[in-house]
Amino acid sequence: MKKRPIYILIFSILGIFNAFGQEKEESAKVKWKYEPNFMVGVDVLNAGVAFFSDRQLFQGFISSKVKDNLHGVIEAGFEKNIYQNNGYDAKVNGPFMKIGAFYMLARDRENDFNGFYGGGKIGGSFYNQEYMAIPVRGFGGNSSSVSMPSSSQSSFWLEANLGGRVQLFETNFYIDVNMQPRYLVYTTKQDDVVPMIVPGFGRSSSKFNMGFAWNIAYKF
């Protein structure tokens, strides 16, 4: 048997496998290619409630489909609020920001942006707070109050994100509704006093809180 045909056969097979591997690698690269897409939304629910409440909350988001069912999201806003309960009288105001991702748990076959999703975010706020009254228990059970000047504080939290999106007719507008269970991870304190309100988080007398958003969004 001649060795030359055997060598030719071996190298031919190797060449086929090499070409197949390159084709598979190129197809994988195309599959992972990011195509720019953005959705911008504004929370109209809390903005509307702000006209009838002490809580002035304005927030919006930008999201983008990263790959398949995975979307990245950034939220930002501003909140001004007061707390008057159990002898406390405080007010806060400041911006906040959240960054995270969500996964489309169930989506429309004809529209990748329609469906239900779940995910998580990290939130933070750098804000100003002022205490006009803090209850203090004195001798003999007598109660009084003290005040504290305005100060700059910061807080950070984790929050889940559960909601859904639906396209408005055949337009680029969407309705995005979600709820946000939150857990306060860290906060600074003024003279060891835990803040009563954190912008973007809500009332922080408890480490757990729940937020809601009803957004009108536009897909570019």
Protein backbone atom coordinates (compact mmCIF):
# COMPACT_ATOMS: atom_id res chain seq x y z
CA MET A 1 0.00 0.00 0.00
CA LYS A 2 1.34 3.42 -0.90
CA LYS A 3 1.75 5.88 1.96
CA ARG A 4 1.13 8.98 -0.13
CA PRO A 5 -2.66 8.42 -0.64
CA ILE A 6 -2.99 7.69 3.08
CA TYR A 7 -1.30 10.97 3.98
CA ILE A 8 -3.49 12.81 1.49
CA LEU A 9 -6.61 11.23 3.02
CA ILE A 10 -5.54 12.11 6.57
CA PHE A 11 -4.74 15.72 5.70
CA SER A 12 -8.00 16.02 3.79
CA ILE A 13 -9.99 14.85 6.83
CA LEU A 14 -8.07 17.24 9.09
CA GLY A 15 -8.76 20.05 6.62
CA ILE A 16 -12.47 19.28 6.69
CA PHE A 17 -12.55 19.31 10.51
CA ASN A 18 -10.55 22.56 10.58
CA ALA A 19 -12.92 24.22 8.12
CA PHE A 20 -15.91 22.98 10.13
CA GLY A 21 -14.37 24.34 13.34
CA GLN A 22 -13.73 27.75 11.78
CA GLU A 23 -17.28 27.88 10.44
CA LYS A 24 -18.67 26.97 13.88
CA GLU A 25 -16.46 29.60 15.54
CA GLU A 26 -17.57 32.26 13.04
CA SER A 27 -21.24 31.37 13.58
CA ALA A 28 -20.70 31.61 17.36
CA LYS A 29 -19.17 35.05 16.93
CA VAL A 30 -22.16 36.19 14.89
CA LYS A 31 -24.52 34.77 17.52
CA TRP A 32 -22.90 36.80 20.31
CA LYS A 33 -22.88 40.04 18.31
CA TYR A 34 -24.66 42.87 20.15
CA GLU A 35 -27.15 44.86 18.13
CA PRO A 36 -27.83 48.32 19.63
CA ASN A 37 -31.36 48.64 20.97
CA PHE A 38 -32.74 50.86 23.70
CA MET A 39 -35.98 51.34 25.54
CA VAL A 40 -36.56 54.52 27.56
CA GLY A 41 -39.39 54.76 30.10
CA VAL A 42 -40.89 57.18 32.60
CA ASP A 43 -42.82 56.21 35.73
CA VAL A 44 -46.15 57.99 35.30
CA LEU A 45 -47.79 56.40 38.38
CA ASN A 46 -45.53 57.93 41.03
CA ALA A 47 -45.23 61.17 39.08
CA GLY A 48 -49.02 61.50 39.13
CA VAL A 49 -49.31 60.59 42.82
CA ALA A 50 -46.76 63.31 43.61
CA PHE A 51 -49.44 65.98 43.03
CA PHE A 52 -51.55 64.57 45.87
CA SER A 53 -48.90 63.33 48.30
CA ASP A 54 -45.97 64.51 50.40
CA ARG A 55 -43.77 62.14 48.41
CA GLN A 56 -42.43 63.79 45.27
CA LEU A 57 -40.95 60.92 43.26
CA PHE A 58 -39.80 61.20 39.65
CA GLN A 59 -37.96 58.33 38.01
CA GLY A 60 -37.24 56.68 34.69
CA PHE A 61 -35.19 53.90 33.14
CA ILE A 62 -33.11 52.89 30.14
CA SER A 63 -32.91 49.21 29.21
CA SER A 64 -31.31 47.25 26.42
CA LYS A 65 -31.55 43.67 25.23
CA VAL A 66 -28.07 42.17 25.66
CA LYS A 67 -28.55 38.61 24.42
CA ASP A 68 -31.58 36.39 23.90
CA ASN A 69 -33.78 36.87 27.00
CA LEU A 70 -31.24 38.88 29.02
CA HIS A 71 -31.72 42.66 29.34
CA GLY A 72 -29.63 45.25 31.17
CA VAL A 73 -31.33 48.19 32.91
CA ILE A 74 -30.35 51.49 34.53
CA GLU A 75 -32.82 53.55 36.58
CA ALA A 76 -32.41 57.05 37.93
CA GLY A 77 -34.61 59.57 39.69
CA PHE A 78 -35.14 62.18 42.35
CA GLU A 79 -37.25 62.04 45.49
CA LYS A 80 -38.38 64.62 48.02
CA ASN A 81 -40.32 63.39 51.03
CA ILE A 82 -41.24 64.04 54.66
CA TYR A 83 -41.68 61.69 57.62
CA GLN A 84 -44.02 62.59 60.48
CA ASN A 85 -44.74 59.60 62.67
CA ASN A 86 -44.16 58.43 66.28
CA GLY A 87 -42.77 61.81 67.29
CA TYR A 88 -40.37 62.05 64.33
CA ASP A 89 -40.44 65.01 62.00
CA ALA A 90 -37.95 64.69 59.15
CA LYS A 91 -37.52 65.64 55.52
CA VAL A 92 -35.19 64.35 52.82
CA ASN A 93 -34.39 65.05 49.20
CA GLY A 94 -31.85 63.76 46.72
CA PRO A 95 -31.12 61.69 43.61
CA PHE A 96 -30.80 57.93 43.36
CA MET A 97 -29.64 55.37 40.81
CA LYS A 98 -30.10 51.63 40.25
CA ILE A 99 -28.30 49.26 37.91
CA GLY A 100 -29.03 45.63 37.17
CA ALA A 101 -30.50 43.12 34.74
CA PHE A 102 -33.64 41.08 34.15
CA TYR A 103 -34.55 37.91 32.28
CA MET A 104 -37.63 37.45 30.14
CA LEU A 105 -39.38 34.51 31.79
CA ALA A 106 -42.11 34.36 29.17
CA ARG A 107 -42.18 36.35 25.96
CA ASP A 108 -44.19 36.83 22.80
CA ARG A 109 -42.88 34.79 19.87
CA GLU A 110 -43.44 37.70 17.51
CA ASN A 111 -42.00 40.39 19.80
CA ASP A 112 -39.05 39.75 22.13
CA PHE A 113 -39.95 42.79 24.24
CA ASN A 114 -43.46 41.60 25.12
CA GLY A 115 -43.78 39.33 28.14
CA PHE A 116 -43.05 38.80 31.83
CA TYR A 117 -39.64 39.22 33.42
CA GLY A 118 -37.71 38.88 36.66
CA GLY A 119 -34.35 40.22 37.78
CA GLY A 120 -32.42 42.23 40.32
CA LYS A 121 -30.73 45.59 40.84
CA ILE A 122 -28.32 47.39 43.14
CA GLY A 123 -29.52 50.84 44.25
CA GLY A 124 -27.83 53.78 45.89
CA SER A 125 -28.69 57.32 46.97
CA PHE A 126 -26.70 60.34 48.11
CA TYR A 127 -29.15 62.73 49.74
CA ASN A 128 -29.77 65.51 52.27
CA GLN A 129 -31.82 64.96 55.41
CA GLU A 130 -32.96 67.19 58.24
CA TYR A 131 -34.64 66.30 61.54
CA MET A 132 -36.93 68.93 63.01
CA ALA A 133 -37.89 66.57 65.86
CA ILE A 134 -36.55 63.28 67.23
CA PRO A 135 -38.35 61.80 70.27
CA VAL A 136 -36.23 61.43 73.41
CA ARG A 137 -37.37 59.76 76.62
CA GLY A 138 -36.21 61.60 79.72
CA PHE A 139 -36.23 60.94 83.47
CA GLY A 140 -39.47 59.87 85.05
CA GLY A 141 -40.92 58.75 81.72
CA ASN A 142 -41.14 62.31 80.45
CA SER A 143 -40.70 62.65 76.71
CA SER A 144 -39.17 65.47 74.74
CA SER A 145 -37.62 65.99 71.35
CA VAL A 146 -34.38 67.21 69.84
CA SER A 147 -33.55 68.49 66.38
CA MET A 148 -30.62 67.92 64.04
CA PRO A 149 -29.28 70.18 61.29
CA SER A 150 -29.32 69.26 57.63
CA SER A 151 -26.66 66.72 56.68
CA SER A 152 -25.53 64.65 53.70
CA GLN A 153 -26.09 60.90 53.91
CA SER A 154 -25.83 57.83 51.68
CA SER A 155 -27.65 54.49 51.53
CA PHE A 156 -27.43 51.35 49.42
CA TRP A 157 -29.89 48.50 48.86
CA LEU A 158 -30.71 45.40 46.84
CA GLU A 159 -34.01 44.96 45.06
CA ALA A 160 -35.75 42.32 43.01
CA ASN A 161 -37.64 43.27 39.88
CA LEU A 162 -40.80 41.41 38.80
CA GLY A 163 -43.04 42.72 36.07
CA GLY A 164 -44.29 42.66 32.51
CA ARG A 165 -44.31 44.62 29.26
CA VAL A 166 -46.86 44.94 26.52
CA GLN A 167 -46.71 46.85 23.25
CA LEU A 168 -49.32 49.53 22.59
CA PHE A 169 -50.96 48.52 19.32
CA GLU A 170 -48.44 48.66 16.45
CA THR A 171 -46.45 51.61 17.83
CA ASN A 172 -43.03 51.78 19.49
CA PHE A 173 -44.67 52.57 22.83
CA TYR A 174 -44.92 50.02 25.64
CA ILE A 175 -46.54 49.76 29.04
CA ASP A 176 -44.11 48.44 31.63
CA VAL A 177 -45.45 47.55 35.10
CA ASN A 178 -43.30 46.09 37.87
CA MET A 179 -42.98 45.63 41.62
CA GLN A 180 -39.71 45.89 43.52
CA PRO A 181 -39.15 44.11 46.86
CA ARG A 182 -36.20 45.90 48.52
CA TYR A 183 -33.69 45.23 51.27
CA LEU A 184 -31.57 48.00 52.79
CA VAL A 185 -27.97 46.78 52.96
CA TYR A 186 -26.07 49.81 54.28
CA THR A 187 -26.76 53.36 55.37
CA THR A 188 -24.84 56.13 57.05
CA LYS A 189 -26.24 57.58 60.30
CA GLN A 190 -26.32 61.04 61.77
CA ASP A 191 -25.37 60.75 65.46
CA ASP A 192 -26.36 57.05 65.39
CA VAL A 193 -29.90 57.89 64.24
CA VAL A 194 -31.18 55.54 61.54
CA PRO A 195 -32.70 57.49 58.61
CA MET A 196 -36.48 57.33 58.39
CA ILE A 197 -36.63 57.84 54.60
CA VAL A 198 -34.17 57.07 51.80
CA PRO A 199 -34.80 58.52 48.31
CA GLY A 200 -35.49 55.72 45.85
CA PHE A 201 -35.95 53.19 48.66
CA GLY A 202 -38.82 54.73 50.61
CA ARG A 203 -39.43 54.52 54.34
CA SER A 204 -36.42 52.87 55.93
CA SER A 205 -37.64 52.41 59.50
CA SER A 206 -37.64 48.76 58.38
CA LYS A 207 -34.92 47.20 56.22
CA PHE A 208 -37.58 45.70 53.94
CA ASN A 209 -39.74 47.76 51.61
CA MET A 210 -41.83 47.37 48.48
CA GLY A 211 -41.92 49.65 45.47
CA PHE A 212 -44.17 49.84 42.41
CA ALA A 213 -43.77 51.48 39.01
CA TRP A 214 -46.14 51.97 36.08
CA ASN A 215 -44.08 53.14 33.12
CA ILE A 216 -44.73 54.41 29.64
CA ALA A 217 -41.74 53.37 27.53
CA TYR A 218 -40.53 53.99 23.98
CA LYS A 219 -38.34 51.58 22.03
CA PHE A 220 -35.74 53.08 19.71
